[in-house]
Amino acid sequence: INMIREAIKEDEEDCGCCSLSFKAMLPLAVATSIDA
């Protein structure tokens, strides 16, 4: 339900900058894996 709710939100989330540094990627990796 949370995945579907987030997908149909009106406002688009910020995709983040183009950096692939540890500082940029670690929060994204953790955030996208909490469901797991």
PDB file of all heavy atoms in Angstrom:
ATOM      1  N   ILE A   1       0.836  -1.204   0.000  1.00  0.00           N
ATOM      2  CA  ILE A   1       0.000   0.000   0.000  1.00  0.00           C
ATOM      3  C   ILE A   1       0.870   1.253   0.000  1.00  0.00           C
ATOM      4  O   ILE A   1       0.596   2.215  -0.728  1.00  0.00           O
ATOM      5  CB  ILE A   1      -0.971  -0.010   1.202  1.00  0.00           C
ATOM      6  CG1 ILE A   1      -2.062  -1.060   0.975  1.00  0.00           C
ATOM      7  CG2 ILE A   1      -1.576   1.377   1.426  1.00  0.00           C
ATOM      8  CD1 ILE A   1      -2.951  -1.297   2.186  1.00  0.00           C
ATOM      9  N   ASN A   2       1.929   1.243   0.792  1.00  0.00           N
ATOM     10  CA  ASN A   2       2.826   2.394   0.836  1.00  0.00           C
ATOM     11  C   ASN A   2       3.485   2.636  -0.516  1.00  0.00           C
ATOM     12  O   ASN A   2       3.608   3.781  -0.959  1.00  0.00           O
ATOM     13  CB  ASN A   2       3.874   2.217   1.933  1.00  0.00           C
ATOM     14  CG  ASN A   2       4.677   3.472   2.143  1.00  0.00           C
ATOM     15  OD1 ASN A   2       4.132   4.547   2.323  1.00  0.00           O
ATOM     16  ND2 ASN A   2       5.992   3.333   2.101  1.00  0.00           N
ATOM     17  N   MET A   3       3.912   1.575  -1.181  1.00  0.00           N
ATOM     18  CA  MET A   3       4.525   1.728  -2.500  1.00  0.00           C
ATOM     19  C   MET A   3       3.538   2.345  -3.486  1.00  0.00           C
ATOM     20  O   MET A   3       3.885   3.255  -4.244  1.00  0.00           O
ATOM     21  CB  MET A   3       5.020   0.373  -3.032  1.00  0.00           C
ATOM     22  CG  MET A   3       6.298  -0.116  -2.405  1.00  0.00           C
ATOM     23  SD  MET A   3       6.790  -1.749  -3.004  1.00  0.00           S
ATOM     24  CE  MET A   3       7.298  -1.359  -4.679  1.00  0.00           C
ATOM     25  N   ILE A   4       2.307   1.839  -3.478  1.00  0.00           N
ATOM     26  CA  ILE A   4       1.290   2.360  -4.394  1.00  0.00           C
ATOM     27  C   ILE A   4       0.964   3.817  -4.055  1.00  0.00           C
ATOM     28  O   ILE A   4       0.859   4.667  -4.948  1.00  0.00           O
ATOM     29  CB  ILE A   4       0.027   1.474  -4.359  1.00  0.00           C
ATOM     30  CG1 ILE A   4       0.353   0.089  -4.939  1.00  0.00           C
ATOM     31  CG2 ILE A   4      -1.124   2.126  -5.114  1.00  0.00           C
ATOM     32  CD1 ILE A   4      -0.727  -0.947  -4.721  1.00  0.00           C
ATOM     33  N   ARG A   5       0.815   4.117  -2.764  1.00  0.00           N
ATOM     34  CA  ARG A   5       0.506   5.485  -2.328  1.00  0.00           C
ATOM     35  C   ARG A   5       1.592   6.456  -2.784  1.00  0.00           C
ATOM     36  O   ARG A   5       1.296   7.527  -3.309  1.00  0.00           O
ATOM     37  CB  ARG A   5       0.363   5.523  -0.810  1.00  0.00           C
ATOM     38  CG  ARG A   5      -0.023   6.891  -0.248  1.00  0.00           C
ATOM     39  CD  ARG A   5      -0.042   6.901   1.268  1.00  0.00           C
ATOM     40  NE  ARG A   5       1.205   6.503   1.887  1.00  0.00           N
ATOM     41  CZ  ARG A   5       2.273   7.274   2.008  1.00  0.00           C
ATOM     42  NH1 ARG A   5       2.264   8.492   1.520  1.00  0.00           N
ATOM     43  NH2 ARG A   5       3.366   6.831   2.592  1.00  0.00           N
ATOM     44  N   GLU A   6       2.836   6.079  -2.607  1.00  0.00           N
ATOM     45  CA  GLU A   6       3.930   6.950  -3.018  1.00  0.00           C
ATOM     46  C   GLU A   6       3.966   7.121  -4.533  1.00  0.00           C
ATOM     47  O   GLU A   6       4.308   8.187  -5.033  1.00  0.00           O
ATOM     48  CB  GLU A   6       5.268   6.402  -2.516  1.00  0.00           C
ATOM     49  CG  GLU A   6       5.455   6.571  -1.024  1.00  0.00           C
ATOM     50  CD  GLU A   6       6.769   6.001  -0.525  1.00  0.00           C
ATOM     51  OE1 GLU A   6       7.615   5.603  -1.355  1.00  0.00           O
ATOM     52  OE2 GLU A   6       6.960   5.963   0.704  1.00  0.00           O
ATOM     53  N   ALA A   7       3.597   6.075  -5.261  1.00  0.00           N
ATOM     54  CA  ALA A   7       3.636   6.145  -6.724  1.00  0.00           C
ATOM     55  C   ALA A   7       2.584   7.088  -7.279  1.00  0.00           C
ATOM     56  O   ALA A   7       2.812   7.736  -8.303  1.00  0.00           O
ATOM     57  CB  ALA A   7       3.458   4.756  -7.320  1.00  0.00           C
ATOM     58  N   ILE A   8       1.441   7.173  -6.616  1.00  0.00           N
ATOM     59  CA  ILE A   8       0.369   8.002  -7.167  1.00  0.00           C
ATOM     60  C   ILE A   8       0.307   9.409  -6.569  1.00  0.00           C
ATOM     61  O   ILE A   8      -0.611  10.158  -6.872  1.00  0.00           O
ATOM     62  CB  ILE A   8      -1.008   7.308  -7.040  1.00  0.00           C
ATOM     63  CG1 ILE A   8      -1.348   6.983  -5.587  1.00  0.00           C
ATOM     64  CG2 ILE A   8      -1.062   6.075  -7.892  1.00  0.00           C
ATOM     65  CD1 ILE A   8      -2.716   6.370  -5.392  1.00  0.00           C
ATOM     66  N   LYS A   9       1.294   9.750  -5.750  1.00  0.00           N
ATOM     67  CA  LYS A   9       1.377  11.120  -5.234  1.00  0.00           C
ATOM     68  C   LYS A   9       1.461  12.080  -6.403  1.00  0.00           C
ATOM     69  O   LYS A   9       2.103  11.794  -7.410  1.00  0.00           O
ATOM     70  CB  LYS A   9       2.627  11.299  -4.366  1.00  0.00           C
ATOM     71  CG  LYS A   9       2.473  10.889  -2.946  1.00  0.00           C
ATOM     72  CD  LYS A   9       3.749  11.255  -2.224  1.00  0.00           C
ATOM     73  CE  LYS A   9       3.722  10.801  -0.793  1.00  0.00           C
ATOM     74  NZ  LYS A   9       5.007  11.063  -0.148  1.00  0.00           N
ATOM     75  N   GLU A  10       0.863  13.225  -6.227  1.00  0.00           N
ATOM     76  CA  GLU A  10       0.868  14.245  -7.271  1.00  0.00           C
ATOM     77  C   GLU A  10       2.266  14.788  -7.525  1.00  0.00           C
ATOM     78  O   GLU A  10       2.695  14.924  -8.650  1.00  0.00           O
ATOM     79  CB  GLU A  10      -0.064  15.390  -6.880  1.00  0.00           C
ATOM     80  CG  GLU A  10      -1.528  15.013  -6.885  1.00  0.00           C
ATOM     81  CD  GLU A  10      -2.075  14.784  -8.270  1.00  0.00           C
ATOM     82  OE1 GLU A  10      -1.643  15.463  -9.204  1.00  0.00           O
ATOM     83  OE2 GLU A  10      -2.950  13.910  -8.403  1.00  0.00           O
ATOM     84  N   ASP A  11       2.961  15.141  -6.449  1.00  0.00           N
ATOM     85  CA  ASP A  11       4.256  15.792  -6.609  1.00  0.00           C
ATOM     86  C   ASP A  11       5.349  14.763  -6.852  1.00  0.00           C
ATOM     87  O   ASP A  11       5.405  13.744  -6.217  1.00  0.00           O
ATOM     88  CB  ASP A  11       4.600  16.647  -5.389  1.00  0.00           C
ATOM     89  CG  ASP A  11       4.496  15.857  -4.088  1.00  0.00           C
ATOM     90  OD1 ASP A  11       3.479  15.170  -3.884  1.00  0.00           O
ATOM     91  OD2 ASP A  11       5.434  15.930  -3.289  1.00  0.00           O
ATOM     92  N   GLU A  12       6.211  15.072  -7.777  1.00  0.00           N
ATOM     93  CA  GLU A  12       7.330  14.188  -8.101  1.00  0.00           C
ATOM     94  C   GLU A  12       8.430  14.360  -7.061  1.00  0.00           C
ATOM     95  O   GLU A  12       8.739  15.470  -6.651  1.00  0.00           O
ATOM     96  CB  GLU A  12       7.899  14.521  -9.485  1.00  0.00           C
ATOM     97  CG  GLU A  12       6.984  14.124 -10.610  1.00  0.00           C
ATOM     98  CD  GLU A  12       6.823  12.626 -10.731  1.00  0.00           C
ATOM     99  OE1 GLU A  12       7.799  11.886 -10.518  1.00  0.00           O
ATOM    100  OE2 GLU A  12       5.708  12.194 -11.036  1.00  0.00           O
ATOM    101  N   GLU A  13       9.014  13.268  -6.639  1.00  0.00           N
ATOM    102  CA  GLU A  13      10.116  13.338  -5.696  1.00  0.00           C
ATOM    103  C   GLU A  13      11.390  13.743  -6.421  1.00  0.00           C
ATOM    104  O   GLU A  13      11.554  13.493  -7.605  1.00  0.00           O
ATOM    105  CB  GLU A  13      10.321  11.962  -5.044  1.00  0.00           C
ATOM    106  CG  GLU A  13       9.163  11.542  -4.187  1.00  0.00           C
ATOM    107  CD  GLU A  13       9.380  10.165  -3.583  1.00  0.00           C
ATOM    108  OE1 GLU A  13      10.521   9.674  -3.613  1.00  0.00           O
ATOM    109  OE2 GLU A  13       8.407   9.602  -3.104  1.00  0.00           O
ATOM    110  N   ASP A  14      12.276  14.341  -5.656  1.00  0.00           N
ATOM    111  CA  ASP A  14      13.570  14.708  -6.208  1.00  0.00           C
ATOM    112  C   ASP A  14      14.375  13.441  -6.438  1.00  0.00           C
ATOM    113  O   ASP A  14      14.495  12.603  -5.560  1.00  0.00           O
ATOM    114  CB  ASP A  14      14.298  15.621  -5.212  1.00  0.00           C
ATOM    115  CG  ASP A  14      15.652  16.048  -5.699  1.00  0.00           C
ATOM    116  OD1 ASP A  14      15.883  16.024  -6.910  1.00  0.00           O
ATOM    117  OD2 ASP A  14      16.486  16.419  -4.845  1.00  0.00           O
ATOM    118  N   CYS A  15      14.893  13.302  -7.627  1.00  0.00           N
ATOM    119  CA  CYS A  15      15.663  12.107  -7.968  1.00  0.00           C
ATOM    120  C   CYS A  15      17.097  12.174  -7.453  1.00  0.00           C
ATOM    121  O   CYS A  15      17.818  11.199  -7.530  1.00  0.00           O
ATOM    122  CB  CYS A  15      15.687  11.912  -9.483  1.00  0.00           C
ATOM    123  SG  CYS A  15      14.092  11.435 -10.139  1.00  0.00           S
ATOM    124  N   GLY A  16      17.512  13.299  -6.968  1.00  0.00           N
ATOM    125  CA  GLY A  16      18.884  13.413  -6.484  1.00  0.00           C
ATOM    126  C   GLY A  16      19.796  13.908  -7.579  1.00  0.00           C
ATOM    127  O   GLY A  16      19.458  13.914  -8.746  1.00  0.00           O
ATOM    128  N   CYS A  17      20.944  14.316  -7.190  1.00  0.00           N
ATOM    129  CA  CYS A  17      21.894  14.840  -8.165  1.00  0.00           C
ATOM    130  C   CYS A  17      22.595  13.686  -8.886  1.00  0.00           C
ATOM    131  O   CYS A  17      22.336  12.536  -8.632  1.00  0.00           O
ATOM    132  CB  CYS A  17      22.893  15.751  -7.465  1.00  0.00           C
ATOM    133  SG  CYS A  17      24.018  14.853  -6.386  1.00  0.00           S
ATOM    134  N   CYS A  18      23.479  14.053  -9.746  1.00  0.00           N
ATOM    135  CA  CYS A  18      24.132  13.039 -10.566  1.00  0.00           C
ATOM    136  C   CYS A  18      25.306  12.358  -9.862  1.00  0.00           C
ATOM    137  O   CYS A  18      25.924  11.473 -10.435  1.00  0.00           O
ATOM    138  CB  CYS A  18      24.589  13.657 -11.879  1.00  0.00           C
ATOM    139  SG  CYS A  18      25.735  15.012 -11.667  1.00  0.00           S
ATOM    140  N   SER A  19      25.580  12.726  -8.631  1.00  0.00           N
ATOM    141  CA  SER A  19      26.715  12.149  -7.919  1.00  0.00           C
ATOM    142  C   SER A  19      26.485  10.669  -7.593  1.00  0.00           C
ATOM    143  O   SER A  19      25.398  10.279  -7.187  1.00  0.00           O
ATOM    144  CB  SER A  19      26.958  12.922  -6.621  1.00  0.00           C
ATOM    145  OG  SER A  19      27.972  12.284  -5.870  1.00  0.00           O
ATOM    146  N   LEU A  20      27.509   9.891  -7.756  1.00  0.00           N
ATOM    147  CA  LEU A  20      27.480   8.478  -7.371  1.00  0.00           C
ATOM    148  C   LEU A  20      28.428   8.235  -6.200  1.00  0.00           C
ATOM    149  O   LEU A  20      28.851   7.104  -5.963  1.00  0.00           O
ATOM    150  CB  LEU A  20      27.860   7.588  -8.555  1.00  0.00           C
ATOM    151  CG  LEU A  20      26.926   7.637  -9.758  1.00  0.00           C
ATOM    152  CD1 LEU A  20      27.415   6.696 -10.854  1.00  0.00           C
ATOM    153  CD2 LEU A  20      25.503   7.319  -9.386  1.00  0.00           C
ATOM    154  N   SER A  21      28.723   9.293  -5.443  1.00  0.00           N
ATOM    155  CA  SER A  21      29.618   9.180  -4.302  1.00  0.00           C
ATOM    156  C   SER A  21      28.943   8.396  -3.171  1.00  0.00           C
ATOM    157  O   SER A  21      27.720   8.251  -3.133  1.00  0.00           O
ATOM    158  CB  SER A  21      30.002  10.572  -3.785  1.00  0.00           C
ATOM    159  OG  SER A  21      28.873  11.189  -3.185  1.00  0.00           O
ATOM    160  N   PHE A  22      29.744   7.933  -2.245  1.00  0.00           N
ATOM    161  CA  PHE A  22      29.231   7.212  -1.076  1.00  0.00           C
ATOM    162  C   PHE A  22      28.214   8.068  -0.331  1.00  0.00           C
ATOM    163  O   PHE A  22      27.151   7.594   0.069  1.00  0.00           O
ATOM    164  CB  PHE A  22      30.401   6.825  -0.157  1.00  0.00           C
ATOM    165  CG  PHE A  22      29.983   6.065   1.063  1.00  0.00           C
ATOM    166  CD1 PHE A  22      29.673   4.715   0.980  1.00  0.00           C
ATOM    167  CD2 PHE A  22      29.888   6.699   2.299  1.00  0.00           C
ATOM    168  CE1 PHE A  22      29.280   4.005   2.105  1.00  0.00           C
ATOM    169  CE2 PHE A  22      29.496   6.000   3.427  1.00  0.00           C
ATOM    170  CZ  PHE A  22      29.190   4.647   3.334  1.00  0.00           C
ATOM    171  N   LYS A  23      28.530   9.335  -0.160  1.00  0.00           N
ATOM    172  CA  LYS A  23      27.659  10.261   0.568  1.00  0.00           C
ATOM    173  C   LYS A  23      26.303  10.426  -0.128  1.00  0.00           C
ATOM    174  O   LYS A  23      25.281  10.578   0.538  1.00  0.00           O
ATOM    175  CB  LYS A  23      28.352  11.615   0.701  1.00  0.00           C
ATOM    176  CG  LYS A  23      27.611  12.613   1.526  1.00  0.00           C
ATOM    177  CD  LYS A  23      28.396  13.906   1.649  1.00  0.00           C
ATOM    178  CE  LYS A  23      27.618  14.935   2.437  1.00  0.00           C
ATOM    179  NZ  LYS A  23      28.335  16.195   2.536  1.00  0.00           N
ATOM    180  N   ALA A  24      26.288  10.389  -1.436  1.00  0.00           N
ATOM    181  CA  ALA A  24      25.038  10.531  -2.182  1.00  0.00           C
ATOM    182  C   ALA A  24      24.275   9.208  -2.280  1.00  0.00           C
ATOM    183  O   ALA A  24      23.043   9.186  -2.211  1.00  0.00           O
ATOM    184  CB  ALA A  24      25.329  11.054  -3.595  1.00  0.00           C
ATOM    185  N   MET A  25      24.993   8.113  -2.426  1.00  0.00           N
ATOM    186  CA  MET A  25      24.338   6.827  -2.681  1.00  0.00           C
ATOM    187  C   MET A  25      23.882   6.102  -1.421  1.00  0.00           C
ATOM    188  O   MET A  25      22.865   5.398  -1.445  1.00  0.00           O
ATOM    189  CB  MET A  25      25.275   5.907  -3.486  1.00  0.00           C
ATOM    190  CG  MET A  25      25.506   6.356  -4.912  1.00  0.00           C
ATOM    191  SD  MET A  25      23.991   6.447  -5.900  1.00  0.00           S
ATOM    192  CE  MET A  25      23.448   4.751  -5.875  1.00  0.00           C
ATOM    193  N   LEU A  26      24.613   6.239  -0.311  1.00  0.00           N
ATOM    194  CA  LEU A  26      24.253   5.515   0.908  1.00  0.00           C
ATOM    195  C   LEU A  26      22.825   5.811   1.379  1.00  0.00           C
ATOM    196  O   LEU A  26      22.056   4.870   1.608  1.00  0.00           O
ATOM    197  CB  LEU A  26      25.266   5.794   2.020  1.00  0.00           C
ATOM    198  CG  LEU A  26      24.993   5.048   3.325  1.00  0.00           C
ATOM    199  CD1 LEU A  26      25.121   3.544   3.125  1.00  0.00           C
ATOM    200  CD2 LEU A  26      25.936   5.519   4.422  1.00  0.00           C
ATOM    201  N   PRO A  27      22.431   7.084   1.494  1.00  0.00           N
ATOM    202  CA  PRO A  27      21.049   7.335   1.933  1.00  0.00           C
ATOM    203  C   PRO A  27      20.008   6.775   0.957  1.00  0.00           C
ATOM    204  O   PRO A  27      18.958   6.282   1.383  1.00  0.00           O
ATOM    205  CB  PRO A  27      20.956   8.861   2.006  1.00  0.00           C
ATOM    206  CG  PRO A  27      22.341   9.362   1.996  1.00  0.00           C
ATOM    207  CD  PRO A  27      23.191   8.317   1.347  1.00  0.00           C
ATOM    208  N   LEU A  28      20.294   6.840  -0.322  1.00  0.00           N
ATOM    209  CA  LEU A  28      19.361   6.296  -1.311  1.00  0.00           C
ATOM    210  C   LEU A  28      19.259   4.776  -1.182  1.00  0.00           C
ATOM    211  O   LEU A  28      18.157   4.210  -1.258  1.00  0.00           O
ATOM    212  CB  LEU A  28      19.806   6.659  -2.734  1.00  0.00           C
ATOM    213  CG  LEU A  28      19.718   8.128  -3.113  1.00  0.00           C
ATOM    214  CD1 LEU A  28      20.342   8.359  -4.485  1.00  0.00           C
ATOM    215  CD2 LEU A  28      18.279   8.610  -3.080  1.00  0.00           C
ATOM    216  N   ALA A  29      20.392   4.115  -0.991  1.00  0.00           N
ATOM    217  CA  ALA A  29      20.394   2.655  -0.862  1.00  0.00           C
ATOM    218  C   ALA A  29      19.643   2.218   0.390  1.00  0.00           C
ATOM    219  O   ALA A  29      18.876   1.243   0.356  1.00  0.00           O
ATOM    220  CB  ALA A  29      21.830   2.126  -0.843  1.00  0.00           C
ATOM    221  N   VAL A  30      19.839   2.930   1.485  1.00  0.00           N
ATOM    222  CA  VAL A  30      19.130   2.596   2.728  1.00  0.00           C
ATOM    223  C   VAL A  30      17.643   2.870   2.567  1.00  0.00           C
ATOM    224  O   VAL A  30      16.799   2.027   2.895  1.00  0.00           O
ATOM    225  CB  VAL A  30      19.721   3.378   3.928  1.00  0.00           C
ATOM    226  CG1 VAL A  30      18.860   3.198   5.165  1.00  0.00           C
ATOM    227  CG2 VAL A  30      21.148   2.922   4.205  1.00  0.00           C
ATOM    228  N   ALA A  31      17.304   4.040   2.037  1.00  0.00           N
ATOM    229  CA  ALA A  31      15.898   4.424   1.902  1.00  0.00           C
ATOM    230  C   ALA A  31      15.115   3.459   1.008  1.00  0.00           C
ATOM    231  O   ALA A  31      13.966   3.128   1.303  1.00  0.00           O
ATOM    232  CB  ALA A  31      15.795   5.848   1.358  1.00  0.00           C
ATOM    233  N   THR A  32      15.741   3.002  -0.062  1.00  0.00           N
ATOM    234  CA  THR A  32      15.024   2.109  -0.984  1.00  0.00           C
ATOM    235  C   THR A  32      14.975   0.670  -0.483  1.00  0.00           C
ATOM    236  O   THR A  32      14.267  -0.154  -1.057  1.00  0.00           O
ATOM    237  CB  THR A  32      15.658   2.127  -2.394  1.00  0.00           C
ATOM    238  OG1 THR A  32      17.028   1.738  -2.295  1.00  0.00           O
ATOM    239  CG2 THR A  32      15.540   3.496  -3.029  1.00  0.00           C
ATOM    240  N   SER A  33      15.703   0.363   0.582  1.00  0.00           N
ATOM    241  CA  SER A  33      15.725  -1.018   1.068  1.00  0.00           C
ATOM    242  C   SER A  33      15.037  -1.214   2.415  1.00  0.00           C
ATOM    243  O   SER A  33      14.996  -2.326   2.927  1.00  0.00           O
ATOM    244  CB  SER A  33      17.170  -1.528   1.143  1.00  0.00           C
ATOM    245  OG  SER A  33      17.911  -0.780   2.072  1.00  0.00           O
ATOM    246  N   ILE A  34      14.473  -0.172   2.975  1.00  0.00           N
ATOM    247  CA  ILE A  34      13.797  -0.289   4.272  1.00  0.00           C
ATOM    248  C   ILE A  34      12.660  -1.310   4.196  1.00  0.00           C
ATOM    249  O   ILE A  34      12.452  -2.098   5.116  1.00  0.00           O
ATOM    250  CB  ILE A  34      13.272   1.088   4.742  1.00  0.00           C
ATOM    251  CG1 ILE A  34      14.445   2.011   5.081  1.00  0.00           C
ATOM    252  CG2 ILE A  34      12.328   0.947   5.929  1.00  0.00           C
ATOM    253  CD1 ILE A  34      15.314   1.560   6.226  1.00  0.00           C
ATOM    254  N   ASP A  35      11.907  -1.310   3.097  1.00  0.00           N
ATOM    255  CA  ASP A  35      10.812  -2.276   2.929  1.00  0.00           C
ATOM    256  C   ASP A  35      11.318  -3.712   3.041  1.00  0.00           C
ATOM    257  O   ASP A  35      10.619  -4.583   3.549  1.00  0.00           O
ATOM    258  CB  ASP A  35      10.132  -2.103   1.571  1.00  0.00           C
ATOM    259  CG  ASP A  35       9.432  -0.762   1.440  1.00  0.00           C
ATOM    260  OD1 ASP A  35       9.282  -0.057   2.453  1.00  0.00           O
ATOM    261  OD2 ASP A  35       9.024  -0.431   0.314  1.00  0.00           O
ATOM    262  N   ALA A  36      12.527  -3.936   2.565  1.00  0.00           N
ATOM    263  CA  ALA A  36      13.086  -5.282   2.591  1.00  0.00           C
ATOM    264  C   ALA A  36      13.347  -5.767   4.022  1.00  0.00           C
ATOM    265  O   ALA A  36      13.342  -6.976   4.272  1.00  0.00           O
ATOM    266  CB  ALA A  36      14.378  -5.329   1.776  1.00  0.00           C
TER     267      ALA A  36
END
